[in-house]
Amino acid sequence: MLKELNIVGTEDTPGIIFDSQKNVFELSGRSLPEDVVSFYKPVIEWLDELEKNPIENLEFSFKLDYFNTASSKLILDILLKVNDIFSDGTPMKIKWHFLAMDKDLEEAGEEFSELVEVPFELVAY
């Protein structure tokens, strides 16, 4: 059983909830941490554990309002890790939520979706 990962969001860091009991896997808010690698390290480690102990039919939700360039690299690392797990045969999908009028976030989602094989849904709200 995977331990829950729950990082409370701040003005500069996203809230992250990975809870296999409730089947919630979500990053939300703004991502511009000072040390992006250290901030996202627990996420990468959690995904490493997921790869060893896969859960069926995961749905990762990205509900980011904004992220900086350094964060985009780590978001890509997360997506590629999820893609590796998917490639190993674990069914899952990704939902990329964005404000309908935010073309930058929509385009970022489109670009990320082209880099992974995981079913990827763009959700405007």
C-alpha atoms as a PDB file:
ATOM      1  CA  MET A   1       0.000   0.000   0.000  1.00  0.00           C
ATOM      2  CA  LEU A   2       1.359   3.372  -1.016  1.00  0.00           C
ATOM      3  CA  LYS A   3       1.600   6.038   1.647  1.00  0.00           C
ATOM      4  CA  GLU A   4      -0.435   9.179   1.073  1.00  0.00           C
ATOM      5  CA  LEU A   5       1.495  12.175  -0.211  1.00  0.00           C
ATOM      6  CA  ASN A   6      -0.117  15.414   0.902  1.00  0.00           C
ATOM      7  CA  ILE A   7       1.699  18.708   0.401  1.00  0.00           C
ATOM      8  CA  VAL A   8      -0.279  21.804   1.323  1.00  0.00           C
ATOM      9  CA  GLY A   9      -0.111  24.478  -1.356  1.00  0.00           C
ATOM     10  CA  THR A  10       1.184  27.970  -0.713  1.00  0.00           C
ATOM     11  CA  GLU A  11       1.247  31.141  -2.778  1.00  0.00           C
ATOM     12  CA  ASP A  12       4.310  29.805  -4.653  1.00  0.00           C
ATOM     13  CA  THR A  13       3.915  26.026  -4.451  1.00  0.00           C
ATOM     14  CA  PRO A  14       1.138  23.746  -5.627  1.00  0.00           C
ATOM     15  CA  GLY A  15      -0.992  21.585  -3.412  1.00  0.00           C
ATOM     16  CA  ILE A  16      -0.270  17.924  -4.081  1.00  0.00           C
ATOM     17  CA  ILE A  17      -2.489  15.062  -2.998  1.00  0.00           C
ATOM     18  CA  PHE A  18      -1.665  11.504  -4.001  1.00  0.00           C
ATOM     19  CA  ASP A  19      -4.047   9.306  -2.003  1.00  0.00           C
ATOM     20  CA  SER A  20      -4.475   5.740  -3.212  1.00  0.00           C
ATOM     21  CA  GLN A  21      -7.222   5.072  -0.622  1.00  0.00           C
ATOM     22  CA  LYS A  22      -9.449   7.831  -2.047  1.00  0.00           C
ATOM     23  CA  ASN A  23      -8.116   7.451  -5.598  1.00  0.00           C
ATOM     24  CA  VAL A  24      -7.125  11.142  -5.728  1.00  0.00           C
ATOM     25  CA  PHE A  25      -3.958  12.140  -7.581  1.00  0.00           C
ATOM     26  CA  GLU A  26      -3.854  15.888  -8.063  1.00  0.00           C
ATOM     27  CA  LEU A  27      -1.499  18.834  -8.403  1.00  0.00           C
ATOM     28  CA  SER A  28      -3.208  22.216  -8.111  1.00  0.00           C
ATOM     29  CA  GLY A  29      -2.388  25.897  -7.738  1.00  0.00           C
ATOM     30  CA  ARG A  30       0.739  27.839  -8.662  1.00  0.00           C
ATOM     31  CA  SER A  31       4.184  26.315  -9.112  1.00  0.00           C
ATOM     32  CA  LEU A  32       7.161  28.600  -8.674  1.00  0.00           C
ATOM     33  CA  PRO A  33       9.126  27.111  -5.775  1.00  0.00           C
ATOM     34  CA  GLU A  34      12.590  28.478  -5.069  1.00  0.00           C
ATOM     35  CA  ASP A  35      14.151  25.001  -5.255  1.00  0.00           C
ATOM     36  CA  VAL A  36      11.980  23.165  -7.744  1.00  0.00           C
ATOM     37  CA  VAL A  37      13.996  19.918  -7.645  1.00  0.00           C
ATOM     38  CA  SER A  38      13.742  19.609  -3.846  1.00  0.00           C
ATOM     39  CA  PHE A  39      10.066  20.541  -3.891  1.00  0.00           C
ATOM     40  CA  TYR A  40       9.112  17.858  -6.428  1.00  0.00           C
ATOM     41  CA  LYS A  41      11.469  15.179  -5.055  1.00  0.00           C
ATOM     42  CA  PRO A  42       8.729  13.544  -2.898  1.00  0.00           C
ATOM     43  CA  VAL A  43       6.490  13.354  -5.985  1.00  0.00           C
ATOM     44  CA  ILE A  44       9.161  11.572  -8.030  1.00  0.00           C
ATOM     45  CA  GLU A  45       9.860   9.228  -5.100  1.00  0.00           C
ATOM     46  CA  TRP A  46       6.124   8.481  -4.753  1.00  0.00           C
ATOM     47  CA  LEU A  47       5.953   7.664  -8.470  1.00  0.00           C
ATOM     48  CA  ASP A  48       8.981   5.372  -8.079  1.00  0.00           C
ATOM     49  CA  GLU A  49       7.001   3.466  -5.423  1.00  0.00           C
ATOM     50  CA  LEU A  50       3.929   3.426  -7.658  1.00  0.00           C
ATOM     51  CA  GLU A  51       6.013   1.836 -10.393  1.00  0.00           C
ATOM     52  CA  LYS A  52       6.900  -1.000  -7.984  1.00  0.00           C
ATOM     53  CA  ASN A  53       3.293  -1.276  -6.660  1.00  0.00           C
ATOM     54  CA  PRO A  54       0.978  -0.255  -9.501  1.00  0.00           C
ATOM     55  CA  ILE A  55      -2.625   0.788  -8.911  1.00  0.00           C
ATOM     56  CA  GLU A  56      -5.197   0.147 -11.626  1.00  0.00           C
ATOM     57  CA  ASN A  57      -7.080   2.935 -13.413  1.00  0.00           C
ATOM     58  CA  LEU A  58      -5.286   5.948 -11.995  1.00  0.00           C
ATOM     59  CA  GLU A  59      -6.316   9.411 -13.075  1.00  0.00           C
ATOM     60  CA  PHE A  60      -3.757  12.167 -12.549  1.00  0.00           C
ATOM     61  CA  SER A  61      -5.275  15.668 -12.494  1.00  0.00           C
ATOM     62  CA  PHE A  62      -3.171  18.727 -13.185  1.00  0.00           C
ATOM     63  CA  LYS A  63      -5.059  21.845 -12.069  1.00  0.00           C
ATOM     64  CA  LEU A  64      -2.273  24.386 -12.208  1.00  0.00           C
ATOM     65  CA  ASP A  65      -3.068  28.099 -12.524  1.00  0.00           C
ATOM     66  CA  TYR A  66       0.504  28.992 -13.375  1.00  0.00           C
ATOM     67  CA  PHE A  67       3.963  27.428 -13.467  1.00  0.00           C
ATOM     68  CA  ASN A  68       7.399  28.837 -14.221  1.00  0.00           C
ATOM     69  CA  THR A  69       9.988  27.442 -16.609  1.00  0.00           C
ATOM     70  CA  ALA A  70      11.853  25.509 -13.910  1.00  0.00           C
ATOM     71  CA  SER A  71       8.579  23.868 -12.854  1.00  0.00           C
ATOM     72  CA  SER A  72       7.746  22.913 -16.445  1.00  0.00           C
ATOM     73  CA  LYS A  73      10.868  20.704 -16.527  1.00  0.00           C
ATOM     74  CA  LEU A  74       9.783  18.876 -13.374  1.00  0.00           C
ATOM     75  CA  ILE A  75       6.194  18.589 -14.618  1.00  0.00           C
ATOM     76  CA  LEU A  76       7.610  16.948 -17.721  1.00  0.00           C
ATOM     77  CA  ASP A  77       9.687  14.605 -15.522  1.00  0.00           C
ATOM     78  CA  ILE A  78       6.490  13.657 -13.655  1.00  0.00           C
ATOM     79  CA  LEU A  79       4.611  13.056 -16.908  1.00  0.00           C
ATOM     80  CA  LEU A  80       7.442  10.929 -18.306  1.00  0.00           C
ATOM     81  CA  LYS A  81       7.534   8.882 -15.095  1.00  0.00           C
ATOM     82  CA  VAL A  82       3.757   8.372 -15.341  1.00  0.00           C
ATOM     83  CA  ASN A  83       4.272   7.405 -18.985  1.00  0.00           C
ATOM     84  CA  ASP A  84       6.873   4.775 -17.979  1.00  0.00           C
ATOM     85  CA  ILE A  85       4.384   3.243 -15.528  1.00  0.00           C
ATOM     86  CA  PHE A  86       1.676   3.297 -18.220  1.00  0.00           C
ATOM     87  CA  SER A  87       4.080   1.659 -20.683  1.00  0.00           C
ATOM     88  CA  ASP A  88       4.624  -1.143 -18.157  1.00  0.00           C
ATOM     89  CA  GLY A  89       0.920  -1.974 -18.604  1.00  0.00           C
ATOM     90  CA  THR A  90      -0.802  -0.031 -15.820  1.00  0.00           C
ATOM     91  CA  PRO A  91      -4.020   1.584 -17.122  1.00  0.00           C
ATOM     92  CA  MET A  92      -4.223   5.288 -16.297  1.00  0.00           C
ATOM     93  CA  LYS A  93      -5.045   8.683 -17.731  1.00  0.00           C
ATOM     94  CA  ILE A  94      -4.093  12.306 -17.301  1.00  0.00           C
ATOM     95  CA  LYS A  95      -6.473  15.257 -17.100  1.00  0.00           C
ATOM     96  CA  TRP A  96      -5.007  18.705 -17.738  1.00  0.00           C
ATOM     97  CA  HIS A  97      -7.390  21.369 -16.401  1.00  0.00           C
ATOM     98  CA  PHE A  98      -7.090  24.976 -17.536  1.00  0.00           C
ATOM     99  CA  LEU A  99      -9.128  28.167 -17.466  1.00  0.00           C
ATOM    100  CA  ALA A 100     -10.873  28.394 -20.849  1.00  0.00           C
ATOM    101  CA  MET A 101      -9.384  31.832 -21.548  1.00  0.00           C
ATOM    102  CA  ASP A 102      -5.836  30.798 -20.566  1.00  0.00           C
ATOM    103  CA  LYS A 103      -4.293  29.934 -23.937  1.00  0.00           C
ATOM    104  CA  ASP A 104      -0.801  29.511 -22.430  1.00  0.00           C
ATOM    105  CA  LEU A 105      -1.916  26.715 -20.110  1.00  0.00           C
ATOM    106  CA  GLU A 106      -3.975  25.144 -22.881  1.00  0.00           C
ATOM    107  CA  GLU A 107      -0.958  25.145 -25.212  1.00  0.00           C
ATOM    108  CA  ALA A 108       1.266  23.749 -22.451  1.00  0.00           C
ATOM    109  CA  GLY A 109      -1.198  20.893 -21.998  1.00  0.00           C
ATOM    110  CA  GLU A 110      -1.249  20.245 -25.739  1.00  0.00           C
ATOM    111  CA  GLU A 111       2.551  20.174 -25.866  1.00  0.00           C
ATOM    112  CA  PHE A 112       2.818  17.854 -22.852  1.00  0.00           C
ATOM    113  CA  SER A 113       0.161  15.545 -24.334  1.00  0.00           C
ATOM    114  CA  GLU A 114       2.310  15.045 -27.432  1.00  0.00           C
ATOM    115  CA  LEU A 115       5.231  13.813 -25.315  1.00  0.00           C
ATOM    116  CA  VAL A 116       3.425  10.932 -23.592  1.00  0.00           C
ATOM    117  CA  GLU A 117       1.411   7.918 -24.693  1.00  0.00           C
ATOM    118  CA  VAL A 118      -0.885   8.020 -21.651  1.00  0.00           C
ATOM    119  CA  PRO A 119      -4.471   9.001 -22.571  1.00  0.00           C
ATOM    120  CA  PHE A 120      -4.436  12.773 -22.033  1.00  0.00           C
ATOM    121  CA  GLU A 121      -7.568  14.883 -21.734  1.00  0.00           C
ATOM    122  CA  LEU A 122      -7.607  18.680 -21.893  1.00  0.00           C
ATOM    123  CA  VAL A 123     -10.392  20.036 -19.673  1.00  0.00           C
ATOM    124  CA  ALA A 124     -11.408  23.693 -20.022  1.00  0.00           C
ATOM    125  CA  TYR A 125     -13.388  25.241 -17.202  1.00  0.00           C
END
